[in-house]
Every structure is written in C-alpha cells, then in structure tokens.
Amino acid sequence: PELWDRMLDQNFVPVVDDRGMFVGIVTRRSVMAYLMNRKGTARTGDEM
C-alpha cells in the first residue's frame, strides 16, 4: 500500500536493499497493469 501511494506521485520508485544498494525500479505502468489484470478490466482501446 505504501508503494502504491508513492506511485501516484512518481513514474517509478527506485528500490534498494537494506544496505542502500540499488536493486531495480517499480514502474507505475507495472502496477497499473497488475491492477487492471487483477480486476479483469483489461480492455482494448475501442472498448475503453
């Protein structure tokens, strides 16, 4: 839930381990795709 809150304000959230080492990013797009697929609302552009 905290990650999703941050996604509202940022296109990506950098992710680090407990030593501050960069391990990757989470993109707004990946979260939105997950939520759309989870709710079964993935549609084509025409349907939307």
All heavy atoms as atom14 arrays in JSON, in Angstrom:
{
  "sequence": "PELWDRMLDQNFVPVVDDRGMFVGIVTRRSVMAYLMNRKGTARTGDEM",
  "atom14_mask": [
    [1, 1, 1, 1, 1, 1, 1, 0, 0, 0, 0, 0, 0, 0],
    [1, 1, 1, 1, 1, 1, 1, 1, 1, 0, 0, 0, 0, 0],
    [1, 1, 1, 1, 1, 1, 1, 1, 0, 0, 0, 0, 0, 0],
    [1, 1, 1, 1, 1, 1, 1, 1, 1, 1, 1, 1, 1, 1],
    [1, 1, 1, 1, 1, 1, 1, 1, 0, 0, 0, 0, 0, 0],
    [1, 1, 1, 1, 1, 1, 1, 1, 1, 1, 1, 0, 0, 0],
    [1, 1, 1, 1, 1, 1, 1, 1, 0, 0, 0, 0, 0, 0],
    [1, 1, 1, 1, 1, 1, 1, 1, 0, 0, 0, 0, 0, 0],
    [1, 1, 1, 1, 1, 1, 1, 1, 0, 0, 0, 0, 0, 0],
    [1, 1, 1, 1, 1, 1, 1, 1, 1, 0, 0, 0, 0, 0],
    [1, 1, 1, 1, 1, 1, 1, 1, 0, 0, 0, 0, 0, 0],
    [1, 1, 1, 1, 1, 1, 1, 1, 1, 1, 1, 0, 0, 0],
    [1, 1, 1, 1, 1, 1, 1, 0, 0, 0, 0, 0, 0, 0],
    [1, 1, 1, 1, 1, 1, 1, 0, 0, 0, 0, 0, 0, 0],
    [1, 1, 1, 1, 1, 1, 1, 0, 0, 0, 0, 0, 0, 0],
    [1, 1, 1, 1, 1, 1, 1, 0, 0, 0, 0, 0, 0, 0],
    [1, 1, 1, 1, 1, 1, 1, 1, 0, 0, 0, 0, 0, 0],
    [1, 1, 1, 1, 1, 1, 1, 1, 0, 0, 0, 0, 0, 0],
    [1, 1, 1, 1, 1, 1, 1, 1, 1, 1, 1, 0, 0, 0],
    [1, 1, 1, 1, 0, 0, 0, 0, 0, 0, 0, 0, 0, 0],
    [1, 1, 1, 1, 1, 1, 1, 1, 0, 0, 0, 0, 0, 0],
    [1, 1, 1, 1, 1, 1, 1, 1, 1, 1, 1, 0, 0, 0],
    [1, 1, 1, 1, 1, 1, 1, 0, 0, 0, 0, 0, 0, 0],
    [1, 1, 1, 1, 0, 0, 0, 0, 0, 0, 0, 0, 0, 0],
    [1, 1, 1, 1, 1, 1, 1, 1, 0, 0, 0, 0, 0, 0],
    [1, 1, 1, 1, 1, 1, 1, 0, 0, 0, 0, 0, 0, 0],
    [1, 1, 1, 1, 1, 1, 1, 0, 0, 0, 0, 0, 0, 0],
    [1, 1, 1, 1, 1, 1, 1, 1, 1, 1, 1, 0, 0, 0],
    [1, 1, 1, 1, 1, 1, 1, 1, 1, 1, 1, 0, 0, 0],
    [1, 1, 1, 1, 1, 1, 0, 0, 0, 0, 0, 0, 0, 0],
    [1, 1, 1, 1, 1, 1, 1, 0, 0, 0, 0, 0, 0, 0],
    [1, 1, 1, 1, 1, 1, 1, 1, 0, 0, 0, 0, 0, 0],
    [1, 1, 1, 1, 1, 0, 0, 0, 0, 0, 0, 0, 0, 0],
    [1, 1, 1, 1, 1, 1, 1, 1, 1, 1, 1, 1, 0, 0],
    [1, 1, 1, 1, 1, 1, 1, 1, 0, 0, 0, 0, 0, 0],
    [1, 1, 1, 1, 1, 1, 1, 1, 0, 0, 0, 0, 0, 0],
    [1, 1, 1, 1, 1, 1, 1, 1, 0, 0, 0, 0, 0, 0],
    [1, 1, 1, 1, 1, 1, 1, 1, 1, 1, 1, 0, 0, 0],
    [1, 1, 1, 1, 1, 1, 1, 1, 1, 0, 0, 0, 0, 0],
    [1, 1, 1, 1, 0, 0, 0, 0, 0, 0, 0, 0, 0, 0],
    [1, 1, 1, 1, 1, 1, 1, 0, 0, 0, 0, 0, 0, 0],
    [1, 1, 1, 1, 1, 0, 0, 0, 0, 0, 0, 0, 0, 0],
    [1, 1, 1, 1, 1, 1, 1, 1, 1, 1, 1, 0, 0, 0],
    [1, 1, 1, 1, 1, 1, 1, 0, 0, 0, 0, 0, 0, 0],
    [1, 1, 1, 1, 0, 0, 0, 0, 0, 0, 0, 0, 0, 0],
    [1, 1, 1, 1, 1, 1, 1, 1, 0, 0, 0, 0, 0, 0],
    [1, 1, 1, 1, 1, 1, 1, 1, 1, 0, 0, 0, 0, 0],
    [1, 1, 1, 1, 1, 1, 1, 1, 0, 0, 0, 0, 0, 0]
  ],
  "atom14_positions": [
    [[0.81, -1.22, 0.0], [0.0, 0.0, 0.0], [0.85, 1.28, 0.0], [0.49, 2.25, -0.66], [-0.82, -0.11, 1.29], [-0.92, -1.59, 1.53], [0.41, -2.14, 1.07], [0.0, 0.0, 0.0], [0.0, 0.0, 0.0], [0.0, 0.0, 0.0], [0.0, 0.0, 0.0], [0.0, 0.0, 0.0], [0.0, 0.0, 0.0], [0.0, 0.0, 0.0]],
    [[1.96, 1.27, 0.7], [2.85, 2.44, 0.7], [3.47, 2.63, -0.69], [3.59, 3.76, -1.17], [3.95, 2.26, 1.74], [4.88, 3.46, 1.83], [5.98, 3.27, 2.86], [5.77, 2.6, 3.89], [7.08, 3.81, 2.61], [0.0, 0.0, 0.0], [0.0, 0.0, 0.0], [0.0, 0.0, 0.0], [0.0, 0.0, 0.0], [0.0, 0.0, 0.0]],
    [[3.84, 1.55, -1.33], [4.39, 1.62, -2.68], [3.37, 2.23, -3.63], [3.68, 3.12, -4.41], [4.79, 0.22, -3.16], [5.35, 0.15, -4.57], [6.73, 0.77, -4.65], [5.39, -1.3, -5.04], [0.0, 0.0, 0.0], [0.0, 0.0, 0.0], [0.0, 0.0, 0.0], [0.0, 0.0, 0.0], [0.0, 0.0, 0.0], [0.0, 0.0, 0.0]],
    [[2.13, 1.77, -3.55], [1.09, 2.31, -4.43], [0.85, 3.79, -4.18], [0.64, 4.54, -5.12], [-0.2, 1.5, -4.28], [-0.08, 0.13, -4.86], [0.91, -0.35, -5.67], [-0.98, -0.94, -4.69], [0.67, -1.65, -6.01], [-0.48, -2.05, -5.42], [-2.16, -1.1, -3.99], [-1.13, -3.27, -5.48], [-2.81, -2.33, -4.05], [-2.29, -3.4, -4.78]],
    [[0.89, 4.21, -2.93], [0.75, 5.64, -2.63], [1.84, 6.46, -3.31], [1.59, 7.53, -3.85], [0.79, 5.89, -1.11], [-0.49, 5.49, -0.41], [-1.52, 5.32, -1.09], [-0.45, 5.35, 0.83], [0.0, 0.0, 0.0], [0.0, 0.0, 0.0], [0.0, 0.0, 0.0], [0.0, 0.0, 0.0], [0.0, 0.0, 0.0], [0.0, 0.0, 0.0]],
    [[3.04, 5.94, -3.29], [4.16, 6.65, -3.9], [4.04, 6.69, -5.42], [4.51, 7.62, -6.07], [5.47, 6.03, -3.47], [5.68, 6.26, -1.97], [6.87, 5.62, -1.43], [8.05, 6.23, -1.98], [9.26, 5.8, -1.7], [9.43, 4.78, -0.89], [10.31, 6.39, -2.21], [0.0, 0.0, 0.0], [0.0, 0.0, 0.0], [0.0, 0.0, 0.0]],
    [[3.43, 5.66, -5.99], [3.27, 5.61, -7.44], [2.35, 6.71, -7.95], [2.42, 7.08, -9.12], [2.72, 4.25, -7.89], [3.62, 3.06, -7.63], [5.33, 3.17, -8.2], [5.18, 3.51, -9.91], [0.0, 0.0, 0.0], [0.0, 0.0, 0.0], [0.0, 0.0, 0.0], [0.0, 0.0, 0.0], [0.0, 0.0, 0.0], [0.0, 0.0, 0.0]],
    [[1.52, 7.26, -7.1], [0.65, 8.36, -7.51], [1.46, 9.59, -7.88], [1.04, 10.39, -8.72], [-0.33, 8.7, -6.38], [-1.36, 7.63, -6.05], [-2.15, 8.04, -4.81], [-2.29, 7.38, -7.23], [0.0, 0.0, 0.0], [0.0, 0.0, 0.0], [0.0, 0.0, 0.0], [0.0, 0.0, 0.0], [0.0, 0.0, 0.0], [0.0, 0.0, 0.0]],
    [[2.61, 9.78, -7.25], [3.41, 10.98, -7.44], [4.64, 10.77, -8.31], [5.33, 11.74, -8.63], [3.86, 11.52, -6.08], [2.69, 11.9, -5.19], [1.7, 12.44, -5.72], [2.78, 11.66, -3.98], [0.0, 0.0, 0.0], [0.0, 0.0, 0.0], [0.0, 0.0, 0.0], [0.0, 0.0, 0.0], [0.0, 0.0, 0.0], [0.0, 0.0, 0.0]],
    [[4.97, 9.55, -8.66], [6.21, 9.26, -9.37], [5.96, 8.26, -10.49], [5.12, 7.38, -10.34], [7.24, 8.65, -8.41], [7.58, 9.5, -7.24], [8.42, 8.78, -6.18], [8.5, 9.26, -5.09], [9.04, 7.66, -6.48], [0.0, 0.0, 0.0], [0.0, 0.0, 0.0], [0.0, 0.0, 0.0], [0.0, 0.0, 0.0], [0.0, 0.0, 0.0]],
    [[6.69, 8.39, -11.59], [6.6, 7.42, -12.68], [7.27, 6.11, -12.32], [6.91, 5.07, -12.83], [7.22, 7.96, -13.96], [6.37, 9.03, -14.58], [5.16, 9.06, -14.41], [7.01, 9.93, -15.3], [0.0, 0.0, 0.0], [0.0, 0.0, 0.0], [0.0, 0.0, 0.0], [0.0, 0.0, 0.0], [0.0, 0.0, 0.0], [0.0, 0.0, 0.0]],
    [[8.28, 6.2, -11.46], [8.95, 5.0, -10.99], [9.42, 5.21, -9.57], [9.6, 6.34, -9.12], [10.14, 4.62, -11.89], [11.31, 5.56, -11.8], [12.33, 5.35, -10.88], [11.42, 6.65, -12.66], [13.43, 6.2, -10.8], [12.5, 7.51, -12.59], [13.51, 7.29, -11.66], [0.0, 0.0, 0.0], [0.0, 0.0, 0.0], [0.0, 0.0, 0.0]],
    [[9.55, 4.11, -8.86], [10.09, 4.14, -7.5], [11.36, 3.29, -7.51], [11.3, 2.1, -7.84], [9.09, 3.58, -6.47], [9.74, 3.5, -5.08], [7.84, 4.45, -6.41], [0.0, 0.0, 0.0], [0.0, 0.0, 0.0], [0.0, 0.0, 0.0], [0.0, 0.0, 0.0], [0.0, 0.0, 0.0], [0.0, 0.0, 0.0], [0.0, 0.0, 0.0]],
    [[12.51, 3.9, -7.19], [13.73, 3.12, -7.09], [13.64, 2.19, -5.88], [13.03, 2.54, -4.87], [14.82, 4.16, -6.86], [14.17, 5.49, -7.05], [12.71, 5.31, -6.95], [0.0, 0.0, 0.0], [0.0, 0.0, 0.0], [0.0, 0.0, 0.0], [0.0, 0.0, 0.0], [0.0, 0.0, 0.0], [0.0, 0.0, 0.0], [0.0, 0.0, 0.0]],
    [[14.22, 1.02, -5.99], [14.17, 0.04, -4.89], [15.61, -0.3, -4.48], [16.47, -0.54, -5.34], [13.41, -1.23, -5.31], [13.36, -2.23, -4.17], [12.0, -0.87, -5.78], [0.0, 0.0, 0.0], [0.0, 0.0, 0.0], [0.0, 0.0, 0.0], [0.0, 0.0, 0.0], [0.0, 0.0, 0.0], [0.0, 0.0, 0.0], [0.0, 0.0, 0.0]],
    [[15.83, -0.28, -3.18], [17.15, -0.59, -2.63], [17.02, -1.7, -1.58], [15.94, -1.92, -1.04], [17.81, 0.65, -1.98], [18.06, 1.74, -3.02], [16.99, 1.2, -0.83], [0.0, 0.0, 0.0], [0.0, 0.0, 0.0], [0.0, 0.0, 0.0], [0.0, 0.0, 0.0], [0.0, 0.0, 0.0], [0.0, 0.0, 0.0], [0.0, 0.0, 0.0]],
    [[18.15, -2.35, -1.32], [18.16, -3.34, -0.24], [18.49, -2.63, 1.07], [18.6, -1.4, 1.1], [19.11, -4.49, -0.55], [20.58, -4.08, -0.65], [20.95, -2.97, -0.21], [21.38, -4.88, -1.16], [0.0, 0.0, 0.0], [0.0, 0.0, 0.0], [0.0, 0.0, 0.0], [0.0, 0.0, 0.0], [0.0, 0.0, 0.0], [0.0, 0.0, 0.0]],
    [[18.66, -3.38, 2.14], [18.89, -2.77, 3.45], [20.26, -2.09, 3.56], [20.51, -1.37, 4.51], [18.68, -3.78, 4.58], [19.58, -5.0, 4.44], [20.26, -5.15, 3.41], [19.57, -5.8, 5.39], [0.0, 0.0, 0.0], [0.0, 0.0, 0.0], [0.0, 0.0, 0.0], [0.0, 0.0, 0.0], [0.0, 0.0, 0.0], [0.0, 0.0, 0.0]],
    [[21.13, -2.26, 2.57], [22.43, -1.58, 2.55], [22.41, -0.34, 1.67], [23.43, 0.31, 1.5], [23.53, -2.53, 2.07], [23.7, -3.77, 2.94], [24.66, -4.77, 2.3], [24.11, -5.21, 1.01], [24.84, -5.42, -0.1], [26.13, -5.28, -0.08], [24.26, -5.81, -1.21], [0.0, 0.0, 0.0], [0.0, 0.0, 0.0], [0.0, 0.0, 0.0]],
    [[21.24, -0.04, 1.06], [21.14, 1.09, 0.16], [21.6, 0.79, -1.25], [21.7, 1.68, -2.09], [0.0, 0.0, 0.0], [0.0, 0.0, 0.0], [0.0, 0.0, 0.0], [0.0, 0.0, 0.0], [0.0, 0.0, 0.0], [0.0, 0.0, 0.0], [0.0, 0.0, 0.0], [0.0, 0.0, 0.0], [0.0, 0.0, 0.0], [0.0, 0.0, 0.0]],
    [[21.84, -0.48, -1.53], [22.27, -0.88, -2.87], [21.07, -0.91, -3.81], [20.03, -1.49, -3.48], [22.95, -2.25, -2.83], [24.17, -2.3, -1.93], [25.45, -1.14, -2.37], [26.29, -2.07, -3.6], [0.0, 0.0, 0.0], [0.0, 0.0, 0.0], [0.0, 0.0, 0.0], [0.0, 0.0, 0.0], [0.0, 0.0, 0.0], [0.0, 0.0, 0.0]],
    [[21.22, -0.31, -4.97], [20.16, -0.26, -5.96], [19.9, -1.64, -6.53], [20.81, -2.31, -7.0], [20.58, 0.7, -7.08], [19.59, 0.86, -8.18], [18.42, 1.57, -7.97], [19.81, 0.32, -9.43], [17.49, 1.74, -9.0], [18.9, 0.47, -10.46], [17.74, 1.19, -10.24], [0.0, 0.0, 0.0], [0.0, 0.0, 0.0], [0.0, 0.0, 0.0]],
    [[18.63, -2.09, -6.46], [18.29, -3.41, -6.99], [17.35, -3.33, -8.19], [17.18, -4.32, -8.9], [17.7, -4.35, -5.9], [18.73, -4.64, -4.84], [16.44, -3.77, -5.29], [0.0, 0.0, 0.0], [0.0, 0.0, 0.0], [0.0, 0.0, 0.0], [0.0, 0.0, 0.0], [0.0, 0.0, 0.0], [0.0, 0.0, 0.0], [0.0, 0.0, 0.0]],
    [[16.73, -2.17, -8.42], [15.84, -2.02, -9.57], [14.82, -0.94, -9.33], [14.95, -0.12, -8.42], [0.0, 0.0, 0.0], [0.0, 0.0, 0.0], [0.0, 0.0, 0.0], [0.0, 0.0, 0.0], [0.0, 0.0, 0.0], [0.0, 0.0, 0.0], [0.0, 0.0, 0.0], [0.0, 0.0, 0.0], [0.0, 0.0, 0.0], [0.0, 0.0, 0.0]],
    [[13.77, -0.96, -10.15], [12.69, 0.01, -10.02], [11.35, -0.69, -10.11], [11.24, -1.78, -10.66], [12.76, 1.13, -11.09], [12.59, 0.56, -12.5], [14.04, 1.94, -10.96], [12.46, 1.6, -13.6], [0.0, 0.0, 0.0], [0.0, 0.0, 0.0], [0.0, 0.0, 0.0], [0.0, 0.0, 0.0], [0.0, 0.0, 0.0], [0.0, 0.0, 0.0]],
    [[10.34, -0.01, -9.61], [8.95, -0.39, -9.83], [8.34, 0.76, -10.62], [8.44, 1.91, -10.2], [8.19, -0.61, -8.5], [6.72, -0.86, -8.77], [8.8, -1.76, -7.72], [0.0, 0.0, 0.0], [0.0, 0.0, 0.0], [0.0, 0.0, 0.0], [0.0, 0.0, 0.0], [0.0, 0.0, 0.0], [0.0, 0.0, 0.0], [0.0, 0.0, 0.0]],
    [[7.74, 0.45, -11.76], [7.14, 1.49, -12.58], [5.64, 1.59, -12.33], [4.99, 0.62, -11.95], [7.36, 1.21, -14.08], [6.71, -0.01, -14.43], [8.85, 1.14, -14.41], [0.0, 0.0, 0.0], [0.0, 0.0, 0.0], [0.0, 0.0, 0.0], [0.0, 0.0, 0.0], [0.0, 0.0, 0.0], [0.0, 0.0, 0.0], [0.0, 0.0, 0.0]],
    [[5.13, 2.77, -12.55], [3.69, 3.0, -12.44], [2.96, 2.07, -13.41], [1.93, 1.51, -13.1], [3.37, 4.46, -12.75], [1.92, 4.79, -12.53], [1.61, 6.23, -12.89], [2.32, 7.14, -12.0], [2.46, 8.43, -12.25], [1.97, 8.96, -13.35], [3.08, 9.21, -11.41], [0.0, 0.0, 0.0], [0.0, 0.0, 0.0], [0.0, 0.0, 0.0]],
    [[3.54, 1.9, -14.57], [2.93, 1.04, -15.59], [2.76, -0.4, -15.1], [1.72, -1.02, -15.32], [3.79, 1.08, -16.85], [3.27, 0.22, -17.94], [4.22, 0.22, -19.12], [3.51, -0.29, -20.26], [3.57, 0.22, -21.47], [4.34, 1.24, -21.71], [2.88, -0.31, -22.44], [0.0, 0.0, 0.0], [0.0, 0.0, 0.0], [0.0, 0.0, 0.0]],
    [[3.79, -0.95, -14.43], [3.7, -2.34, -13.97], [2.62, -2.5, -12.9], [1.9, -3.5, -12.88], [5.05, -2.84, -13.45], [5.45, -2.15, -12.29], [0.0, 0.0, 0.0], [0.0, 0.0, 0.0], [0.0, 0.0, 0.0], [0.0, 0.0, 0.0], [0.0, 0.0, 0.0], [0.0, 0.0, 0.0], [0.0, 0.0, 0.0], [0.0, 0.0, 0.0]],
    [[2.47, -1.5, -12.05], [1.44, -1.56, -11.01], [0.05, -1.45, -11.65], [-0.86, -2.2, -11.31], [1.66, -0.46, -9.95], [0.49, -0.38, -8.99], [2.96, -0.71, -9.19], [0.0, 0.0, 0.0], [0.0, 0.0, 0.0], [0.0, 0.0, 0.0], [0.0, 0.0, 0.0], [0.0, 0.0, 0.0], [0.0, 0.0, 0.0], [0.0, 0.0, 0.0]],
    [[-0.1, -0.52, -12.59], [-1.4, -0.36, -13.25], [-1.79, -1.62, -14.03], [-2.95, -2.04, -14.0], [-1.38, 0.86, -14.17], [-1.34, 2.17, -13.4], [-1.15, 3.61, -14.47], [-2.66, 3.53, -15.41], [0.0, 0.0, 0.0], [0.0, 0.0, 0.0], [0.0, 0.0, 0.0], [0.0, 0.0, 0.0], [0.0, 0.0, 0.0], [0.0, 0.0, 0.0]],
    [[-0.84, -2.22, -14.72], [-1.12, -3.44, -15.48], [-1.58, -4.55, -14.54], [-2.54, -5.27, -14.83], [0.12, -3.88, -16.27], [0.0, 0.0, 0.0], [0.0, 0.0, 0.0], [0.0, 0.0, 0.0], [0.0, 0.0, 0.0], [0.0, 0.0, 0.0], [0.0, 0.0, 0.0], [0.0, 0.0, 0.0], [0.0, 0.0, 0.0], [0.0, 0.0, 0.0]],
    [[-0.9, -4.68, -13.41], [-1.29, -5.69, -12.43], [-2.71, -5.44, -11.93], [-3.54, -6.36, -11.89], [-0.33, -5.69, -11.25], [-0.84, -6.49, -10.08], [-0.79, -7.88, -10.09], [-1.43, -5.86, -8.98], [-1.29, -8.62, -9.04], [-1.92, -6.59, -7.91], [-1.86, -7.97, -7.95], [-2.36, -8.7, -6.91], [0.0, 0.0, 0.0], [0.0, 0.0, 0.0]],
    [[-3.02, -4.2, -11.59], [-4.35, -3.89, -11.06], [-5.44, -4.12, -12.11], [-6.51, -4.63, -11.79], [-4.39, -2.45, -10.54], [-3.55, -2.18, -9.3], [-3.51, -0.69, -8.99], [-4.05, -2.98, -8.11], [0.0, 0.0, 0.0], [0.0, 0.0, 0.0], [0.0, 0.0, 0.0], [0.0, 0.0, 0.0], [0.0, 0.0, 0.0], [0.0, 0.0, 0.0]],
    [[-5.16, -3.76, -13.35], [-6.15, -3.98, -14.41], [-6.39, -5.47, -14.63], [-7.52, -5.9, -14.77], [-5.69, -3.31, -15.7], [-5.76, -1.8, -15.64], [-5.14, -1.01, -17.12], [-6.36, -1.52, -18.32], [0.0, 0.0, 0.0], [0.0, 0.0, 0.0], [0.0, 0.0, 0.0], [0.0, 0.0, 0.0], [0.0, 0.0, 0.0], [0.0, 0.0, 0.0]],
    [[-5.33, -6.25, -14.66], [-5.48, -7.7, -14.86], [-6.17, -8.35, -13.67], [-6.97, -9.27, -13.83], [-4.12, -8.36, -15.11], [-3.59, -8.01, -16.47], [-4.34, -7.74, -17.4], [-2.28, -7.99, -16.6], [0.0, 0.0, 0.0], [0.0, 0.0, 0.0], [0.0, 0.0, 0.0], [0.0, 0.0, 0.0], [0.0, 0.0, 0.0], [0.0, 0.0, 0.0]],
    [[-5.86, -7.87, -12.49], [-6.45, -8.43, -11.27], [-7.96, -8.21, -11.23], [-8.72, -9.07, -10.81], [-5.79, -7.79, -10.06], [-6.26, -8.34, -8.76], [-5.45, -7.75, -7.63], [-6.1, -8.04, -6.39], [-6.16, -7.22, -5.36], [-5.57, -6.06, -5.43], [-6.78, -7.57, -4.28], [0.0, 0.0, 0.0], [0.0, 0.0, 0.0], [0.0, 0.0, 0.0]],
    [[-8.39, -7.04, -11.66], [-9.81, -6.72, -11.65], [-10.53, -7.21, -12.9], [-11.72, -7.05, -13.02], [-10.01, -5.19, -11.53], [-9.51, -4.62, -10.23], [-10.36, -5.07, -9.09], [-9.93, -4.39, -7.81], [-10.6, -4.89, -6.66], [0.0, 0.0, 0.0], [0.0, 0.0, 0.0], [0.0, 0.0, 0.0], [0.0, 0.0, 0.0], [0.0, 0.0, 0.0]],
    [[-9.76, -7.74, -13.85], [-10.38, -8.22, -15.08], [-10.88, -7.09, -15.95], [-11.8, -7.26, -16.73], [0.0, 0.0, 0.0], [0.0, 0.0, 0.0], [0.0, 0.0, 0.0], [0.0, 0.0, 0.0], [0.0, 0.0, 0.0], [0.0, 0.0, 0.0], [0.0, 0.0, 0.0], [0.0, 0.0, 0.0], [0.0, 0.0, 0.0], [0.0, 0.0, 0.0]],
    [[-10.26, -5.93, -15.82], [-10.72, -4.76, -16.56], [-9.82, -4.43, -17.73], [-9.97, -3.37, -18.32], [-10.83, -3.53, -15.65], [-9.54, -3.29, -15.07], [-11.87, -3.71, -14.58], [0.0, 0.0, 0.0], [0.0, 0.0, 0.0], [0.0, 0.0, 0.0], [0.0, 0.0, 0.0], [0.0, 0.0, 0.0], [0.0, 0.0, 0.0], [0.0, 0.0, 0.0]],
    [[-8.91, -5.32, -18.07], [-8.05, -5.05, -19.21], [-8.92, -5.07, -20.47], [-9.59, -6.05, -20.75], [-6.94, -6.1, -19.32], [0.0, 0.0, 0.0], [0.0, 0.0, 0.0], [0.0, 0.0, 0.0], [0.0, 0.0, 0.0], [0.0, 0.0, 0.0], [0.0, 0.0, 0.0], [0.0, 0.0, 0.0], [0.0, 0.0, 0.0], [0.0, 0.0, 0.0]],
    [[-8.94, -3.94, -21.19], [-9.78, -3.81, -22.38], [-8.96, -3.24, -23.52], [-7.91, -2.68, -23.31], [-10.92, -2.82, -22.1], [-11.75, -3.17, -20.91], [-12.78, -2.11, -20.71], [-13.21, -2.13, -19.32], [-13.98, -1.24, -18.81], [-14.4, -0.23, -19.5], [-14.36, -1.33, -17.55], [0.0, 0.0, 0.0], [0.0, 0.0, 0.0], [0.0, 0.0, 0.0]],
    [[-9.52, -3.34, -24.68], [-8.86, -2.72, -25.82], [-9.17, -1.24, -25.81], [-10.09, -0.77, -25.13], [-9.38, -3.32, -27.15], [-10.76, -2.97, -27.29], [-9.17, -4.81, -27.21], [0.0, 0.0, 0.0], [0.0, 0.0, 0.0], [0.0, 0.0, 0.0], [0.0, 0.0, 0.0], [0.0, 0.0, 0.0], [0.0, 0.0, 0.0], [0.0, 0.0, 0.0]],
    [[-8.43, -0.47, -26.57], [-8.65, 0.97, -26.64], [-10.07, 1.33, -27.09], [-10.67, 2.28, -26.62], [0.0, 0.0, 0.0], [0.0, 0.0, 0.0], [0.0, 0.0, 0.0], [0.0, 0.0, 0.0], [0.0, 0.0, 0.0], [0.0, 0.0, 0.0], [0.0, 0.0, 0.0], [0.0, 0.0, 0.0], [0.0, 0.0, 0.0], [0.0, 0.0, 0.0]],
    [[-10.65, 0.51, -28.03], [-12.0, 0.8, -28.52], [-13.03, 0.63, -27.41], [-13.97, 1.42, -27.3], [-12.37, -0.12, -29.68], [-11.52, 0.14, -30.91], [-11.0, 1.28, -31.04], [-11.38, -0.78, -31.73], [0.0, 0.0, 0.0], [0.0, 0.0, 0.0], [0.0, 0.0, 0.0], [0.0, 0.0, 0.0], [0.0, 0.0, 0.0], [0.0, 0.0, 0.0]],
    [[-12.87, -0.4, -26.6], [-13.83, -0.63, -25.53], [-13.76, 0.46, -24.47], [-14.76, 0.83, -23.89], [-13.55, -1.98, -24.87], [-13.84, -3.17, -25.77], [-13.35, -4.46, -25.17], [-12.36, -4.43, -24.41], [-13.95, -5.51, -25.47], [0.0, 0.0, 0.0], [0.0, 0.0, 0.0], [0.0, 0.0, 0.0], [0.0, 0.0, 0.0], [0.0, 0.0, 0.0]],
    [[-12.54, 0.99, -24.23], [-12.38, 2.0, -23.2], [-12.96, 3.34, -23.63], [-13.36, 4.14, -22.8], [-10.91, 2.14, -22.84], [-10.36, 0.91, -22.16], [-8.65, 1.1, -21.71], [-8.85, 2.03, -20.19], [0.0, 0.0, 0.0], [0.0, 0.0, 0.0], [0.0, 0.0, 0.0], [0.0, 0.0, 0.0], [0.0, 0.0, 0.0], [0.0, 0.0, 0.0]]
  ]
}
